[in-house]
Protein backbone atom coordinates (compact mmCIF):
# COMPACT_ATOMS: atom_id res chain seq x y z
CA MET A 1 -6.12 -20.56 6.91
CA HIS A 2 -3.64 -18.40 8.90
CA ALA A 3 -4.97 -14.82 8.99
CA ARG A 4 -2.52 -12.24 7.73
CA GLY A 5 -2.30 -8.62 8.60
CA LEU A 6 -1.62 -5.89 6.06
CA ASP A 7 2.06 -5.19 6.20
CA HIS A 8 2.41 -2.28 3.67
CA LEU A 9 1.14 -0.64 0.42
CA VAL A 10 3.41 0.22 -2.60
CA TRP A 11 2.50 3.61 -3.94
CA ALA A 12 4.28 4.24 -7.33
CA VAL A 13 5.19 7.76 -8.32
CA ARG A 14 7.07 9.43 -11.00
CA ASP A 15 8.85 11.93 -8.58
CA LEU A 16 9.60 10.53 -5.49
CA ASP A 17 10.68 13.69 -3.71
CA THR A 18 7.58 15.69 -4.87
CA VAL A 19 5.32 13.30 -3.15
CA ALA A 20 7.32 12.80 -0.15
CA ASP A 21 7.19 16.78 0.23
CA CYS A 22 3.66 16.50 -0.09
CA LEU A 23 3.46 14.11 2.77
CA GLN A 24 5.73 16.18 4.90
CA ARG A 25 3.49 19.18 4.50
CA LEU A 26 0.64 17.06 5.83
CA GLY A 27 2.64 16.43 8.87
CA PHE A 28 4.12 12.90 8.04
CA THR A 29 7.73 11.86 8.82
CA VAL A 30 9.11 10.43 5.68
CA THR A 31 12.28 8.06 5.73
CA PRO A 32 15.16 9.07 3.51
CA ARG A 33 15.76 7.62 0.11
CA ALA A 34 16.81 4.12 -0.22
CA ARG A 35 17.80 2.14 -3.28
CA HIS A 36 17.08 -1.44 -4.30
CA PRO A 37 19.58 -3.59 -6.32
CA TRP A 38 17.26 -3.89 -9.13
CA GLY A 39 16.74 -0.30 -9.88
CA THR A 40 13.89 1.05 -7.82
CA GLU A 41 14.12 3.46 -5.10
CA ASN A 42 11.72 4.32 -2.17
CA ARG A 43 10.91 6.41 0.87
CA CYS A 44 8.68 5.15 3.56
CA VAL A 45 5.98 6.50 6.14
CA GLN A 46 5.81 4.12 9.23
CA PHE A 47 2.75 3.50 11.26
CA ASP A 48 1.95 0.93 13.97
CA GLY A 49 3.05 -2.16 12.17
CA PHE A 50 2.22 -0.95 8.60
CA PHE A 51 3.72 1.51 6.29
CA ILE A 52 3.40 3.18 3.02
CA GLU A 53 6.26 2.64 0.51
CA LEU A 54 6.53 5.48 -1.86
CA LEU A 55 8.33 3.99 -4.71
CA THR A 56 9.96 4.92 -8.11
CA VAL A 57 12.17 3.95 -10.92
CA GLY A 58 15.79 4.92 -10.36
CA GLU A 59 18.15 3.11 -12.73
CA ALA A 60 15.72 1.44 -15.38
CA ALA A 61 18.56 -0.32 -16.91
CA GLN A 62 19.19 -2.36 -13.73
CA ILE A 63 15.53 -3.77 -13.79
CA PRO A 64 15.54 -7.52 -14.52
CA PRO A 65 12.84 -8.99 -16.95
CA ALA A 66 10.06 -11.13 -15.47
CA ALA A 67 10.71 -14.70 -17.01
CA ASN A 68 8.81 -17.77 -16.67
CA ALA A 69 8.01 -18.37 -12.81
CA THR A 70 10.05 -15.24 -11.93
CA PHE A 71 8.23 -12.19 -10.82
CA SER A 72 10.09 -8.80 -11.36
CA PHE A 73 9.11 -6.18 -8.82
CA GLY A 74 10.99 -3.45 -10.58
CA ALA A 75 9.52 -4.32 -14.11
CA PHE A 76 5.90 -4.66 -12.65
CA ASN A 77 6.09 -1.10 -11.22
CA ARG A 78 7.91 0.40 -14.17
CA ASP A 79 5.12 -0.84 -16.44
CA PHE A 80 2.50 0.48 -13.87
CA LEU A 81 3.99 3.89 -14.14
CA GLU A 82 3.77 3.82 -17.70
CA THR A 83 -0.16 4.29 -17.35
CA GLY A 84 -0.10 6.71 -14.25
CA GLU A 85 0.75 6.88 -10.67
CA GLY A 86 -1.12 5.06 -7.70
CA ALA A 87 -1.04 2.29 -5.45
CA SER A 88 0.62 -0.58 -7.36
CA MET A 89 0.71 -3.54 -4.94
CA LEU A 90 -0.93 -4.51 -1.64
CA VAL A 91 1.23 -6.47 0.86
CA ALA A 92 0.38 -8.80 3.74
CA GLU A 93 2.53 -9.88 6.57
CA SER A 94 4.21 -13.06 6.63
CA GLN A 95 5.45 -15.35 9.42
CA ASP A 96 6.59 -18.26 7.24
CA PRO A 97 7.28 -17.59 3.46
CA ALA A 98 6.97 -21.37 2.64
CA ALA A 99 3.54 -21.78 4.30
CA ASP A 100 2.30 -18.60 2.47
CA ARG A 101 3.22 -20.29 -0.96
CA ARG A 102 1.62 -23.68 0.15
CA ALA A 103 -1.49 -21.71 1.26
CA PHE A 104 -1.67 -19.73 -2.18
CA GLU A 105 -1.15 -22.96 -4.08
CA GLN A 106 -4.03 -24.84 -2.03
CA ALA A 107 -6.30 -21.96 -2.78
CA GLY A 108 -5.65 -22.07 -6.51
CA LEU A 109 -3.60 -18.81 -6.75
CA PRO A 110 -0.88 -18.11 -8.96
CA VAL A 111 2.80 -18.43 -7.39
CA PHE A 112 6.14 -17.23 -8.35
CA ALA A 113 9.63 -18.17 -7.51
CA PRO A 114 10.80 -17.22 -3.90
CA PHE A 115 12.38 -13.89 -3.67
CA ALA A 116 14.64 -12.29 -0.91
CA PHE A 117 16.71 -9.43 -0.59
CA GLU A 118 18.73 -7.33 1.75
CA ARG A 119 19.74 -3.65 1.92
CA GLU A 120 20.86 -0.95 4.25
CA GLN A 121 18.40 1.44 6.04
CA THR A 122 19.57 4.85 7.27
CA LEU A 123 18.14 5.58 10.80
CA ALA A 124 16.80 9.00 11.96
CA ASP A 125 20.01 9.35 13.99
CA GLY A 126 22.08 8.83 10.70
CA GLY A 127 23.09 5.51 11.66
CA VAL A 128 22.68 2.47 9.22
CA ARG A 129 21.55 -0.93 9.62
CA LYS A 130 20.74 -3.98 7.41
CA VAL A 131 17.35 -4.91 6.68
CA GLY A 132 15.99 -7.82 4.74
CA PHE A 133 12.79 -9.19 3.33
CA ASP A 134 11.45 -12.58 1.95
CA LEU A 135 8.72 -11.80 -0.41
CA THR A 136 6.03 -14.25 -1.80
CA PHE A 137 4.29 -13.05 -4.89
CA THR A 138 0.87 -13.98 -6.31
CA ARG A 139 -1.82 -12.61 -8.38
CA ASP A 140 -5.66 -12.03 -8.76
CA ARG A 141 -6.40 -13.60 -12.14
CA ASP A 142 -9.37 -11.42 -12.52
CA ASP A 143 -7.28 -8.19 -11.77
CA THR A 144 -4.85 -7.15 -14.65
CA ARG A 145 -3.61 -3.92 -12.48
CA ASN A 146 -2.51 -4.71 -9.02
CA GLY A 147 0.27 -6.94 -7.73
CA PHE A 148 0.34 -8.63 -4.33
CA PHE A 149 2.84 -10.46 -2.12
CA THR A 150 3.53 -11.32 1.57
CA CYS A 151 6.53 -9.93 3.06
CA HIS A 152 8.75 -11.51 5.90
CA ASN A 153 10.75 -9.07 7.66
CA ARG A 154 13.91 -10.61 8.58
CA TYR A 155 15.08 -7.80 11.11
CA PRO A 156 12.13 -6.07 12.30
CA GLU A 157 14.28 -4.61 15.01
CA ASN A 158 16.32 -2.81 12.63
CA PHE A 159 13.51 -1.64 10.10
CA TRP A 160 11.01 -0.13 12.35
CA SER A 161 11.92 2.93 14.06
CA ALA A 162 10.06 4.62 17.05
CA ASP A 163 11.31 8.10 15.63
CA TYR A 164 9.93 7.37 12.19
CA ARG A 165 6.49 6.54 13.58
CA GLN A 166 6.17 9.84 15.23
CA HIS A 167 4.19 12.24 13.03
CA GLU A 168 3.49 15.80 13.74
CA ASN A 169 -0.16 15.15 12.34
CA GLY A 170 -0.76 12.44 14.99
CA ALA A 171 -1.30 9.69 12.49
CA GLN A 172 -0.74 6.16 14.31
CA SER A 173 -2.22 3.15 12.31
CA LEU A 174 -3.93 2.08 9.28
CA GLU A 175 -7.79 1.51 9.59
CA ALA A 176 -8.46 0.29 5.99
CA VAL A 177 -7.41 0.07 2.40
CA ILE A 178 -10.14 0.83 0.06
CA VAL A 179 -10.31 -0.94 -3.37
CA VAL A 180 -12.77 0.27 -6.08
CA CYS A 181 -14.39 -2.43 -8.28
CA ASP A 182 -17.38 -2.71 -10.51
CA GLU A 183 -18.38 -6.04 -8.84
CA PRO A 184 -16.81 -6.51 -5.28
CA ALA A 185 -18.32 -10.13 -5.31
CA SER A 186 -16.01 -10.97 -8.30
CA HIS A 187 -12.90 -10.29 -6.06
CA HIS A 188 -13.61 -11.27 -2.45
CA ILE A 189 -12.49 -15.07 -2.97
CA PHE A 190 -8.98 -13.94 -3.97
CA TYR A 191 -8.80 -11.37 -1.04
CA SER A 192 -9.98 -13.92 1.54
CA ALA A 193 -7.34 -16.41 0.33
CA PHE A 194 -4.73 -13.63 0.07
CA THR A 195 -5.32 -12.52 3.78
CA GLY A 196 -6.12 -15.82 5.06
CA VAL A 197 -9.48 -14.38 6.38
CA ARG A 198 -12.63 -16.35 5.69
CA ASP A 199 -15.31 -14.10 7.32
CA MET A 200 -16.39 -11.03 5.47
CA ARG A 201 -19.35 -8.49 5.81
CA ALA A 202 -21.27 -7.60 2.84
CA SER A 203 -23.62 -4.72 2.19
CA SER A 204 -25.12 -2.72 -0.48
CA LEU A 205 -22.02 -0.57 -0.61
CA GLY A 206 -19.53 -3.65 -1.03
CA ILE A 207 -17.47 -6.18 1.12
CA THR A 208 -15.43 -5.51 4.21
CA ILE A 209 -12.65 -8.00 5.20
CA ASP A 210 -11.15 -7.45 8.59
CA THR A 211 -7.69 -8.64 8.73
CA PRO A 212 -5.54 -8.64 12.02
CA ARG A 213 -4.04 -5.28 11.02
CA GLY A 214 -6.38 -3.16 8.99
CA ALA A 215 -9.45 -3.93 6.84
CA VAL A 216 -9.88 -4.38 3.13
CA ARG A 217 -13.06 -2.63 1.83
CA LEU A 218 -14.06 -3.40 -1.79
CA PHE A 219 -16.50 -0.67 -2.79
CA THR A 220 -18.44 0.10 -5.90
CA PRO A 221 -17.59 3.36 -7.64
CA GLY A 222 -20.87 4.98 -6.51
CA ALA A 223 -20.18 3.78 -2.93
CA PHE A 224 -16.83 5.20 -3.05
CA ALA A 225 -18.14 8.63 -4.41
CA GLY A 226 -20.82 8.75 -1.87
CA LEU A 227 -18.41 7.84 1.29
CA PHE A 228 -15.36 9.88 0.21
CA ALA A 229 -17.07 12.82 -1.58
CA GLN A 230 -15.04 12.49 -4.83
CA ALA A 231 -15.28 10.65 -8.00
CA ALA A 232 -13.98 7.11 -8.02
CA PRO A 233 -10.83 6.39 -9.88
CA ARG A 234 -11.24 3.90 -12.88
CA ASP A 235 -8.81 1.85 -14.69
CA PRO A 236 -9.02 2.05 -18.49
CA ALA A 237 -9.27 -1.97 -18.74
CA GLY A 238 -11.95 -1.88 -16.00
CA ALA A 239 -9.64 -3.56 -13.21
CA PRO A 240 -10.04 -2.83 -9.51
CA VAL A 241 -8.29 0.40 -8.31
CA ILE A 242 -6.63 0.56 -4.79
CA ALA A 243 -7.94 4.05 -4.26
CA ALA A 244 -7.65 5.05 -0.76
CA LEU A 245 -5.94 4.56 2.52
CA VAL A 246 -7.89 5.32 5.79
CA ILE A 247 -5.54 6.44 8.55
CA ARG A 248 -6.39 6.63 12.27
CA GLY A 249 -4.96 8.85 14.97
CA ALA A 250 -4.64 12.35 13.60
CA ASP A 251 -6.18 15.16 15.48
CA ARG A 252 -8.63 16.65 13.04
CA ALA A 253 -8.47 20.25 14.46
CA ALA A 254 -4.95 20.36 14.34
CA LEU A 255 -4.72 18.76 11.06
CA ILE A 256 -7.17 21.30 9.39
CA ALA A 257 -5.10 23.88 10.71
CA ARG A 258 -1.87 22.59 9.34
CA LEU A 259 -3.69 22.42 5.91
CA GLU A 260 -4.97 25.72 5.82
CA LYS A 261 -1.53 27.15 6.84
CA ALA A 262 0.00 25.07 4.01
CA GLY A 263 -2.72 26.14 1.61
CA MET A 264 -3.77 22.63 1.00
CA ASP A 265 -7.36 21.77 0.11
CA TYR A 266 -9.51 19.31 2.18
CA VAL A 267 -12.88 17.90 2.08
CA LEU A 268 -14.96 16.62 5.08
CA ALA A 269 -16.48 13.54 3.86
CA PRO A 270 -18.69 10.87 5.47
CA GLU A 271 -15.58 8.54 6.01
CA GLY A 272 -13.16 11.29 7.11
CA LEU A 273 -11.08 14.13 5.99
CA VAL A 274 -9.90 13.74 2.44
CA VAL A 275 -6.96 15.46 0.95
CA PRO A 276 -7.55 15.89 -2.76
CA GLU A 277 -3.59 16.64 -3.41
CA THR A 278 -2.58 13.30 -2.85
CA ALA A 279 -5.23 11.90 -5.15
CA GLU A 280 -3.42 13.77 -7.96
CA HIS A 281 -0.78 11.23 -7.61
CA GLY A 282 -3.29 8.32 -7.64
CA LEU A 283 -3.83 7.74 -4.00
CA SER A 284 -6.34 9.18 -1.65
CA LEU A 285 -5.46 9.60 2.10
CA VAL A 286 -8.43 9.92 4.37
CA PHE A 287 -7.96 10.68 7.98
CA ALA A 288 -10.63 8.96 10.06
């Protein structure tokens, strides 16, 4: 299998600008609003090869329905938001969408029709460039909550911006995506096939899969509570929850000073500094 690094995380929110404002008060640079042709809108936070995609529904009438082998990105996130906010989709990088599809089929994972699109992106200097992506969707049959796909960036030179990767809080890169699930062993086979990483580390806390860019850590609710000093989020149907992102690079003393000046709470947990305000929108941000 070809190992795939993590590319981005879709964070579905009801009020795009409210959550973007929260991230800006934390010291992140957030891109301007962009619109997809199928009714969703986003703003992004870029790191070193990984980004957070804040996503909301803009024009619900433009969202196409899912049909047969066609996966509807817009419909999936619209339906996700009907039950709450949070990380809705985990995305791995792609060098070859056709090869991803073959690998998923060989691993016995569900696959959907190939999907590609292009849109315009506004640069920090006000200029506009074309960006485009090829998406290869799959699912974990034992996970009724979350979506997964690989993303091939057609014009990386247009998408990535040195200006957008500069954050006042010093954040630089992804350390890990934290998934809370009752039985980590029930999902590690899927995550291995999705990331293309065979080797993993198991402990009493859960399972860790180290990808070329960031780790996926599957923790039990008890382990999450102990490591992040907060109750683990739970899905009403018992599905796994993508609960937190662990970010490297921020200067802790400067970050604490920023949070206190902004009147924002924080918790010093064993795994890092946790900001409870982001968890109110379904995703904990943790500064390692």
